[in-house]
Amino acid sequence: MRQILIVGIVSVLAVLGLQNVAAQAPLLVAQVDQKAAKDAKKAKNKRVCRYVRETGSRIRERVCRKQKDWDRMEERAKENVRDAYDGSNRNTTGAGQT
């Protein structure tokens, strides 16, 4: 999809007589992609603070971690819920087993 878009942009620029710009278009797209990758990496290393409430408590505590750590914790929580759900659907009583 992205290659089709680049080819389309290059074609339009070439038709308009902007061959120099058309030749540089893929380079500009590559530079934008590199900048986006760097920005994403910086965002993952950025320190994010959240207010967290322990189960059974009404008091919130401020916890600061890197975004990648928050993402990792969220993924683990999803896996735990998925595992608990999968485990609850299993026939653990032994009834009906041969």
C-alpha atoms as a PDB file:
ATOM      1  CA  MET A   1       0.000   0.000   0.000  1.00  0.00           C
ATOM      2  CA  ARG A   2       2.767   2.386   0.939  1.00  0.00           C
ATOM      3  CA  GLN A   3       4.688   1.621  -2.271  1.00  0.00           C
ATOM      4  CA  ILE A   4       1.588   2.341  -4.338  1.00  0.00           C
ATOM      5  CA  LEU A   5       1.218   5.684  -2.574  1.00  0.00           C
ATOM      6  CA  ILE A   6       4.877   6.570  -3.190  1.00  0.00           C
ATOM      7  CA  VAL A   7       4.615   5.570  -6.870  1.00  0.00           C
ATOM      8  CA  GLY A   8       1.452   7.651  -7.164  1.00  0.00           C
ATOM      9  CA  ILE A   9       3.077  10.712  -5.628  1.00  0.00           C
ATOM     10  CA  VAL A  10       6.164  10.323  -7.808  1.00  0.00           C
ATOM     11  CA  SER A  11       3.969   9.951 -10.913  1.00  0.00           C
ATOM     12  CA  VAL A  12       1.949  13.068 -10.124  1.00  0.00           C
ATOM     13  CA  LEU A  13       5.084  15.091  -9.492  1.00  0.00           C
ATOM     14  CA  ALA A  14       6.656  13.813 -12.723  1.00  0.00           C
ATOM     15  CA  VAL A  15       3.539  14.758 -14.708  1.00  0.00           C
ATOM     16  CA  LEU A  16       3.662  18.246 -13.243  1.00  0.00           C
ATOM     17  CA  GLY A  17       7.226  18.569 -14.472  1.00  0.00           C
ATOM     18  CA  LEU A  18       8.816  18.347 -11.050  1.00  0.00           C
ATOM     19  CA  GLN A  19      11.269  15.559 -11.794  1.00  0.00           C
ATOM     20  CA  ASN A  20      13.761  16.731  -9.162  1.00  0.00           C
ATOM     21  CA  VAL A  21      11.088  16.673  -6.484  1.00  0.00           C
ATOM     22  CA  ALA A  22       9.786  13.347  -7.809  1.00  0.00           C
ATOM     23  CA  ALA A  23      13.250  11.839  -7.490  1.00  0.00           C
ATOM     24  CA  GLN A  24      13.529  13.040  -3.883  1.00  0.00           C
ATOM     25  CA  ALA A  25      10.073  11.891  -2.764  1.00  0.00           C
ATOM     26  CA  PRO A  26      11.170   8.363  -1.686  1.00  0.00           C
ATOM     27  CA  LEU A  27      14.048   9.899   0.279  1.00  0.00           C
ATOM     28  CA  LEU A  28      11.666  12.247   2.057  1.00  0.00           C
ATOM     29  CA  VAL A  29       9.341   9.362   2.928  1.00  0.00           C
ATOM     30  CA  ALA A  30      12.294   7.364   4.292  1.00  0.00           C
ATOM     31  CA  GLN A  31      13.352  10.327   6.439  1.00  0.00           C
ATOM     32  CA  VAL A  32       9.832  10.668   7.823  1.00  0.00           C
ATOM     33  CA  ASP A  33       9.771   6.919   8.626  1.00  0.00           C
ATOM     34  CA  GLN A  34      13.106   7.169  10.458  1.00  0.00           C
ATOM     35  CA  LYS A  35      11.887  10.177  12.452  1.00  0.00           C
ATOM     36  CA  ALA A  36       8.677   8.340  13.371  1.00  0.00           C
ATOM     37  CA  ALA A  37      10.708   5.328  14.556  1.00  0.00           C
ATOM     38  CA  LYS A  38      12.913   7.562  16.716  1.00  0.00           C
ATOM     39  CA  ASP A  39       9.873   9.342  18.163  1.00  0.00           C
ATOM     40  CA  ALA A  40       8.237   6.007  18.993  1.00  0.00           C
ATOM     41  CA  LYS A  41      11.397   4.821  20.743  1.00  0.00           C
ATOM     42  CA  LYS A  42      11.592   8.054  22.755  1.00  0.00           C
ATOM     43  CA  ALA A  43       7.935   7.690  23.736  1.00  0.00           C
ATOM     44  CA  LYS A  44       8.602   4.166  25.064  1.00  0.00           C
ATOM     45  CA  ASN A  45      11.469   5.466  27.216  1.00  0.00           C
ATOM     46  CA  LYS A  46       9.491   8.455  28.482  1.00  0.00           C
ATOM     47  CA  ARG A  47       8.648   8.388  32.180  1.00  0.00           C
ATOM     48  CA  VAL A  48       4.903   8.321  32.837  1.00  0.00           C
ATOM     49  CA  CYS A  49       3.283   8.827  36.224  1.00  0.00           C
ATOM     50  CA  ARG A  50      -0.116   7.393  37.126  1.00  0.00           C
ATOM     51  CA  TYR A  51      -2.214   7.315  40.248  1.00  0.00           C
ATOM     52  CA  VAL A  52      -2.767   3.724  41.343  1.00  0.00           C
ATOM     53  CA  ARG A  53      -5.227   2.480  43.940  1.00  0.00           C
ATOM     54  CA  GLU A  54      -4.511  -0.831  45.649  1.00  0.00           C
ATOM     55  CA  THR A  55      -7.344  -3.301  45.925  1.00  0.00           C
ATOM     56  CA  GLY A  56      -9.317  -2.639  49.106  1.00  0.00           C
ATOM     57  CA  SER A  57      -7.928   0.871  49.566  1.00  0.00           C
ATOM     58  CA  ARG A  58      -9.404   4.275  48.824  1.00  0.00           C
ATOM     59  CA  ILE A  59      -6.003   5.957  48.880  1.00  0.00           C
ATOM     60  CA  ARG A  60      -4.306   6.543  45.552  1.00  0.00           C
ATOM     61  CA  GLU A  61      -0.540   6.414  45.233  1.00  0.00           C
ATOM     62  CA  ARG A  62       1.499   8.108  42.508  1.00  0.00           C
ATOM     63  CA  VAL A  63       3.642   5.573  40.632  1.00  0.00           C
ATOM     64  CA  CYS A  64       6.137   6.596  37.935  1.00  0.00           C
ATOM     65  CA  ARG A  65       7.541   4.136  35.398  1.00  0.00           C
ATOM     66  CA  LYS A  66       8.721   4.123  31.811  1.00  0.00           C
ATOM     67  CA  GLN A  67       5.966   3.711  29.229  1.00  0.00           C
ATOM     68  CA  LYS A  68       7.430   0.395  28.078  1.00  0.00           C
ATOM     69  CA  ASP A  69       7.129  -0.905  31.670  1.00  0.00           C
ATOM     70  CA  TRP A  70       3.466   0.179  31.856  1.00  0.00           C
ATOM     71  CA  ASP A  71       2.854  -1.569  28.510  1.00  0.00           C
ATOM     72  CA  ARG A  72       4.571  -4.744  29.741  1.00  0.00           C
ATOM     73  CA  MET A  73       2.487  -4.757  32.951  1.00  0.00           C
ATOM     74  CA  GLU A  74      -0.711  -4.284  30.955  1.00  0.00           C
ATOM     75  CA  GLU A  75       0.203  -7.163  28.645  1.00  0.00           C
ATOM     76  CA  ARG A  76       0.899  -9.433  31.637  1.00  0.00           C
ATOM     77  CA  ALA A  77      -2.452  -8.511  33.178  1.00  0.00           C
ATOM     78  CA  LYS A  78      -4.219  -9.372  29.918  1.00  0.00           C
ATOM     79  CA  GLU A  79      -2.384 -12.704  29.771  1.00  0.00           C
ATOM     80  CA  ASN A  80      -3.385 -13.484  33.369  1.00  0.00           C
ATOM     81  CA  VAL A  81      -7.038 -12.748  32.616  1.00  0.00           C
ATOM     82  CA  ARG A  82      -6.851 -14.835  29.443  1.00  0.00           C
ATOM     83  CA  ASP A  83      -5.256 -17.728  31.339  1.00  0.00           C
ATOM     84  CA  ALA A  84      -7.846 -17.517  34.122  1.00  0.00           C
ATOM     85  CA  TYR A  85     -10.667 -17.464  31.591  1.00  0.00           C
ATOM     86  CA  ASP A  86      -9.227 -20.418  29.668  1.00  0.00           C
ATOM     87  CA  GLY A  87      -8.765 -22.347  32.908  1.00  0.00           C
ATOM     88  CA  SER A  88     -12.345 -21.732  33.996  1.00  0.00           C
ATOM     89  CA  ASN A  89     -13.668 -23.223  30.765  1.00  0.00           C
ATOM     90  CA  ARG A  90     -11.827 -26.512  31.228  1.00  0.00           C
ATOM     91  CA  ASN A  91     -13.570 -29.542  32.642  1.00  0.00           C
ATOM     92  CA  THR A  92     -11.670 -29.911  35.910  1.00  0.00           C
ATOM     93  CA  THR A  93     -14.133 -32.175  37.733  1.00  0.00           C
ATOM     94  CA  GLY A  94     -13.219 -35.275  35.772  1.00  0.00           C
ATOM     95  CA  ALA A  95     -16.852 -35.990  34.953  1.00  0.00           C
ATOM     96  CA  GLY A  96     -17.392 -37.337  31.478  1.00  0.00           C
ATOM     97  CA  GLN A  97     -13.757 -38.223  30.961  1.00  0.00           C
ATOM     98  CA  THR A  98     -12.868 -41.677  29.741  1.00  0.00           C
END
